[in-house]
């Protein structure tokens, strides 16, 4: 997608490198960014409106493994960083 090239990169990485129970909490820069992440990754994705740690704990209790997608730098290990727009997966 020309408008959001990092989502294509993130999608490829998630589908090839992350487990099937990966869940993407999304720090949305635009409304419904989580839907775009869900489309490209083929994994569950949710906007996070609570602290990331609380959402991660809920995802783990439900049997998922959280991987945060964000357009800004966050204090977590980065698995993939887009050179195109700075969006990260961690």
N, C-alpha and C. Protein backbone atom coordinates (compact mmCIF):
# COMPACT_ATOMS: atom_id res chain seq x y z
N UNK A 1 0.84 -1.17 0.00
CA UNK A 1 0.00 0.00 0.00
C UNK A 1 0.89 1.23 0.00
N UNK A 2 0.71 2.09 -0.96
CA UNK A 2 1.53 3.30 -1.07
C UNK A 2 1.41 4.23 0.12
N UNK A 3 0.24 4.27 0.75
CA UNK A 3 0.01 5.18 1.86
C UNK A 3 0.63 4.71 3.17
N UNK A 4 0.74 3.43 3.34
CA UNK A 4 1.26 2.85 4.60
C UNK A 4 2.23 1.72 4.32
N UNK A 5 3.37 2.00 3.70
CA UNK A 5 4.29 0.91 3.31
C UNK A 5 4.83 0.12 4.50
N UNK A 6 4.93 0.73 5.66
CA UNK A 6 5.47 -0.01 6.80
C UNK A 6 4.54 -1.14 7.22
N UNK A 7 3.24 -0.99 7.01
CA UNK A 7 2.32 -2.08 7.36
C UNK A 7 2.56 -3.31 6.49
N UNK A 8 2.95 -3.11 5.26
CA UNK A 8 3.27 -4.24 4.39
C UNK A 8 4.51 -4.95 4.93
N UNK A 9 5.53 -4.18 5.31
CA UNK A 9 6.76 -4.76 5.89
C UNK A 9 6.44 -5.51 7.18
N UNK A 10 5.67 -4.88 8.05
CA UNK A 10 5.31 -5.49 9.33
C UNK A 10 4.52 -6.77 9.08
N UNK A 11 3.59 -6.73 8.14
CA UNK A 11 2.79 -7.91 7.82
C UNK A 11 3.64 -9.09 7.39
N UNK A 12 4.58 -8.83 6.49
CA UNK A 12 5.48 -9.91 6.03
C UNK A 12 6.26 -10.50 7.20
N UNK A 13 6.80 -9.63 8.04
CA UNK A 13 7.60 -10.08 9.17
C UNK A 13 6.74 -10.92 10.13
N UNK A 14 5.58 -10.41 10.49
CA UNK A 14 4.72 -11.11 11.43
C UNK A 14 4.33 -12.48 10.89
N UNK A 15 3.89 -12.54 9.66
CA UNK A 15 3.45 -13.82 9.08
C UNK A 15 4.58 -14.84 8.99
N UNK A 16 5.80 -14.38 8.77
CA UNK A 16 6.91 -15.32 8.59
C UNK A 16 7.71 -15.59 9.87
N UNK A 17 7.69 -14.68 10.83
CA UNK A 17 8.58 -14.81 11.98
C UNK A 17 7.89 -14.97 13.34
N UNK A 18 6.65 -14.57 13.46
CA UNK A 18 6.00 -14.60 14.77
C UNK A 18 5.02 -15.76 14.88
N UNK A 19 4.74 -16.20 16.10
CA UNK A 19 3.84 -17.34 16.29
C UNK A 19 2.40 -17.02 15.90
N UNK A 20 1.63 -18.07 15.69
CA UNK A 20 0.23 -17.91 15.30
C UNK A 20 -0.60 -17.22 16.37
N UNK A 21 -0.16 -17.27 17.62
CA UNK A 21 -0.92 -16.63 18.70
C UNK A 21 -0.46 -15.18 18.95
N UNK A 22 0.30 -14.62 18.02
CA UNK A 22 0.72 -13.22 18.14
C UNK A 22 -0.50 -12.31 18.05
N UNK A 23 -0.53 -11.32 18.93
CA UNK A 23 -1.61 -10.33 18.95
C UNK A 23 -0.94 -8.97 18.87
N UNK A 24 -1.47 -8.09 18.02
CA UNK A 24 -0.87 -6.78 17.79
C UNK A 24 -1.67 -5.67 18.46
N UNK A 25 -1.27 -5.23 19.66
CA UNK A 25 -1.84 -3.98 20.17
C UNK A 25 -1.26 -2.85 19.32
N UNK A 26 -2.10 -1.95 18.86
CA UNK A 26 -1.67 -0.90 17.93
C UNK A 26 -1.82 0.47 18.56
N UNK A 27 -0.75 1.21 18.59
CA UNK A 27 -0.73 2.60 19.01
C UNK A 27 -1.15 3.39 17.77
N UNK A 28 -2.42 3.72 17.68
CA UNK A 28 -2.97 4.27 16.45
C UNK A 28 -2.60 5.74 16.23
N UNK A 29 -2.02 6.00 15.07
CA UNK A 29 -1.76 7.38 14.64
C UNK A 29 -3.01 7.91 13.95
N UNK A 30 -3.75 7.01 13.31
CA UNK A 30 -5.01 7.34 12.66
C UNK A 30 -6.06 6.35 13.11
N UNK A 31 -7.29 6.81 13.18
CA UNK A 31 -8.39 5.94 13.58
C UNK A 31 -8.42 4.71 12.67
N UNK A 32 -8.61 3.56 13.26
CA UNK A 32 -8.73 2.26 12.58
C UNK A 32 -7.41 1.72 12.03
N UNK A 33 -6.27 2.25 12.47
CA UNK A 33 -4.98 1.67 12.07
C UNK A 33 -4.92 0.18 12.43
N UNK A 34 -5.57 -0.20 13.52
CA UNK A 34 -5.52 -1.61 13.92
C UNK A 34 -6.14 -2.51 12.85
N UNK A 35 -7.13 -2.03 12.12
CA UNK A 35 -7.73 -2.82 11.04
C UNK A 35 -6.72 -3.05 9.91
N UNK A 36 -5.92 -2.03 9.62
CA UNK A 36 -4.90 -2.18 8.59
C UNK A 36 -3.85 -3.20 9.04
N UNK A 37 -3.45 -3.12 10.31
CA UNK A 37 -2.49 -4.09 10.85
C UNK A 37 -3.07 -5.50 10.79
N UNK A 38 -4.32 -5.65 11.16
CA UNK A 38 -4.96 -6.96 11.13
C UNK A 38 -4.98 -7.52 9.70
N UNK A 39 -5.28 -6.69 8.73
CA UNK A 39 -5.31 -7.12 7.33
C UNK A 39 -3.94 -7.62 6.88
N UNK A 40 -2.89 -6.84 7.11
CA UNK A 40 -1.57 -7.20 6.60
C UNK A 40 -0.89 -8.31 7.39
N UNK A 41 -1.18 -8.43 8.69
CA UNK A 41 -0.50 -9.45 9.50
C UNK A 41 -1.26 -10.77 9.57
N UNK A 42 -2.54 -10.76 9.29
CA UNK A 42 -3.39 -11.94 9.45
C UNK A 42 -3.38 -12.42 10.89
N UNK A 43 -3.31 -11.47 11.81
CA UNK A 43 -3.35 -11.75 13.25
C UNK A 43 -4.33 -10.77 13.90
N UNK A 44 -4.76 -11.09 15.11
CA UNK A 44 -5.64 -10.19 15.85
C UNK A 44 -4.89 -8.90 16.16
N UNK A 45 -5.58 -7.78 16.05
CA UNK A 45 -4.99 -6.48 16.34
C UNK A 45 -6.05 -5.61 17.01
N UNK A 46 -5.61 -4.86 18.02
CA UNK A 46 -6.52 -4.02 18.79
C UNK A 46 -5.87 -2.68 19.05
N UNK A 47 -6.66 -1.60 19.03
CA UNK A 47 -6.08 -0.32 19.44
C UNK A 47 -5.85 -0.38 20.95
N UNK A 48 -4.75 0.18 21.43
CA UNK A 48 -4.63 0.17 22.88
C UNK A 48 -5.01 1.52 23.43
N UNK A 49 -5.95 1.44 24.38
CA UNK A 49 -6.44 2.64 25.05
C UNK A 49 -6.14 2.57 26.54
N UNK A 50 -5.48 1.52 26.94
CA UNK A 50 -5.03 1.35 28.32
C UNK A 50 -3.51 1.28 28.28
N UNK A 51 -2.86 1.36 29.42
CA UNK A 51 -1.39 1.24 29.40
C UNK A 51 -0.97 -0.07 28.72
N UNK A 52 0.08 -0.02 27.90
CA UNK A 52 0.51 -1.22 27.17
C UNK A 52 0.75 -2.43 28.07
N UNK A 53 1.26 -2.20 29.26
CA UNK A 53 1.54 -3.31 30.17
C UNK A 53 0.26 -4.03 30.59
N UNK A 54 -0.81 -3.27 30.83
CA UNK A 54 -2.09 -3.87 31.22
C UNK A 54 -2.68 -4.67 30.06
N UNK A 55 -2.61 -4.11 28.86
CA UNK A 55 -3.12 -4.83 27.69
C UNK A 55 -2.31 -6.09 27.43
N UNK A 56 -1.00 -5.99 27.57
CA UNK A 56 -0.14 -7.16 27.37
C UNK A 56 -0.49 -8.27 28.36
N UNK A 57 -0.76 -7.90 29.60
CA UNK A 57 -1.12 -8.90 30.61
C UNK A 57 -2.44 -9.58 30.25
N UNK A 58 -3.42 -8.81 29.78
CA UNK A 58 -4.70 -9.40 29.37
C UNK A 58 -4.52 -10.34 28.18
N UNK A 59 -3.71 -9.94 27.21
CA UNK A 59 -3.45 -10.79 26.04
C UNK A 59 -2.81 -12.09 26.47
N UNK A 60 -1.82 -12.03 27.36
CA UNK A 60 -1.14 -13.25 27.83
C UNK A 60 -2.09 -14.16 28.60
N UNK A 61 -2.95 -13.58 29.44
CA UNK A 61 -3.91 -14.40 30.19
C UNK A 61 -4.85 -15.15 29.24
N UNK A 62 -5.12 -14.56 28.09
CA UNK A 62 -6.00 -15.19 27.10
C UNK A 62 -5.25 -16.15 26.17
N UNK A 63 -3.93 -16.32 26.38
CA UNK A 63 -3.16 -17.27 25.58
C UNK A 63 -2.46 -16.67 24.37
N UNK A 64 -2.47 -15.35 24.26
CA UNK A 64 -1.80 -14.70 23.15
C UNK A 64 -0.43 -14.17 23.54
N UNK A 65 0.32 -13.77 22.55
CA UNK A 65 1.64 -13.17 22.77
C UNK A 65 1.61 -11.78 22.13
N UNK A 66 1.69 -10.71 22.96
CA UNK A 66 1.56 -9.35 22.42
C UNK A 66 2.84 -8.83 21.76
N UNK A 67 2.64 -8.14 20.65
CA UNK A 67 3.72 -7.45 19.93
C UNK A 67 3.18 -6.08 19.54
N UNK A 68 3.71 -5.05 20.13
CA UNK A 68 3.20 -3.70 19.98
C UNK A 68 3.62 -3.06 18.66
N UNK A 69 2.67 -2.45 17.97
CA UNK A 69 2.93 -1.69 16.75
C UNK A 69 2.72 -0.22 17.09
N UNK A 70 3.72 0.62 16.80
CA UNK A 70 3.63 2.03 17.17
C UNK A 70 4.34 2.93 16.17
N UNK A 71 3.81 4.15 15.95
CA UNK A 71 4.49 5.10 15.08
C UNK A 71 5.53 5.93 15.83
N UNK A 72 5.68 5.68 17.12
CA UNK A 72 6.63 6.48 17.92
C UNK A 72 7.57 5.56 18.70
N UNK A 73 8.65 6.11 19.13
CA UNK A 73 9.63 5.34 19.90
C UNK A 73 9.04 5.02 21.27
N UNK A 74 9.14 3.77 21.64
CA UNK A 74 8.67 3.32 22.95
C UNK A 74 9.80 2.55 23.63
N UNK A 75 9.75 2.44 24.95
CA UNK A 75 10.85 1.79 25.68
C UNK A 75 10.77 0.26 25.68
N UNK A 76 10.61 -0.33 24.50
CA UNK A 76 10.55 -1.78 24.37
C UNK A 76 11.54 -2.22 23.30
N UNK A 77 11.92 -3.48 23.37
CA UNK A 77 12.82 -4.02 22.33
C UNK A 77 12.11 -3.95 20.98
N UNK A 78 12.82 -3.49 19.97
CA UNK A 78 12.26 -3.36 18.63
C UNK A 78 12.66 -4.57 17.80
N UNK A 79 11.67 -5.27 17.26
CA UNK A 79 11.92 -6.41 16.39
C UNK A 79 12.06 -5.96 14.94
N UNK A 80 11.31 -4.92 14.58
CA UNK A 80 11.34 -4.40 13.22
C UNK A 80 11.04 -2.91 13.26
N UNK A 81 11.86 -2.14 12.59
CA UNK A 81 11.64 -0.70 12.48
C UNK A 81 11.60 -0.32 11.02
N UNK A 82 10.57 0.40 10.62
CA UNK A 82 10.44 0.80 9.23
C UNK A 82 11.28 2.02 8.94
N UNK A 83 12.08 1.94 7.92
CA UNK A 83 12.88 3.08 7.47
C UNK A 83 11.98 4.10 6.77
N UNK A 84 10.84 3.67 6.32
CA UNK A 84 9.95 4.53 5.53
C UNK A 84 9.20 5.55 6.38
N UNK A 85 8.67 5.13 7.54
CA UNK A 85 7.89 6.07 8.34
C UNK A 85 8.16 5.98 9.84
N UNK A 86 9.14 5.18 10.24
CA UNK A 86 9.51 5.10 11.65
C UNK A 86 8.64 4.21 12.50
N UNK A 87 7.62 3.59 11.91
CA UNK A 87 6.74 2.70 12.68
C UNK A 87 7.56 1.49 13.15
N UNK A 88 7.27 1.02 14.36
CA UNK A 88 8.03 -0.10 14.92
C UNK A 88 7.11 -1.25 15.35
N UNK A 89 7.71 -2.41 15.44
CA UNK A 89 7.07 -3.60 15.98
C UNK A 89 7.97 -4.08 17.10
N UNK A 90 7.39 -4.23 18.27
CA UNK A 90 8.21 -4.67 19.40
C UNK A 90 7.44 -5.44 20.43
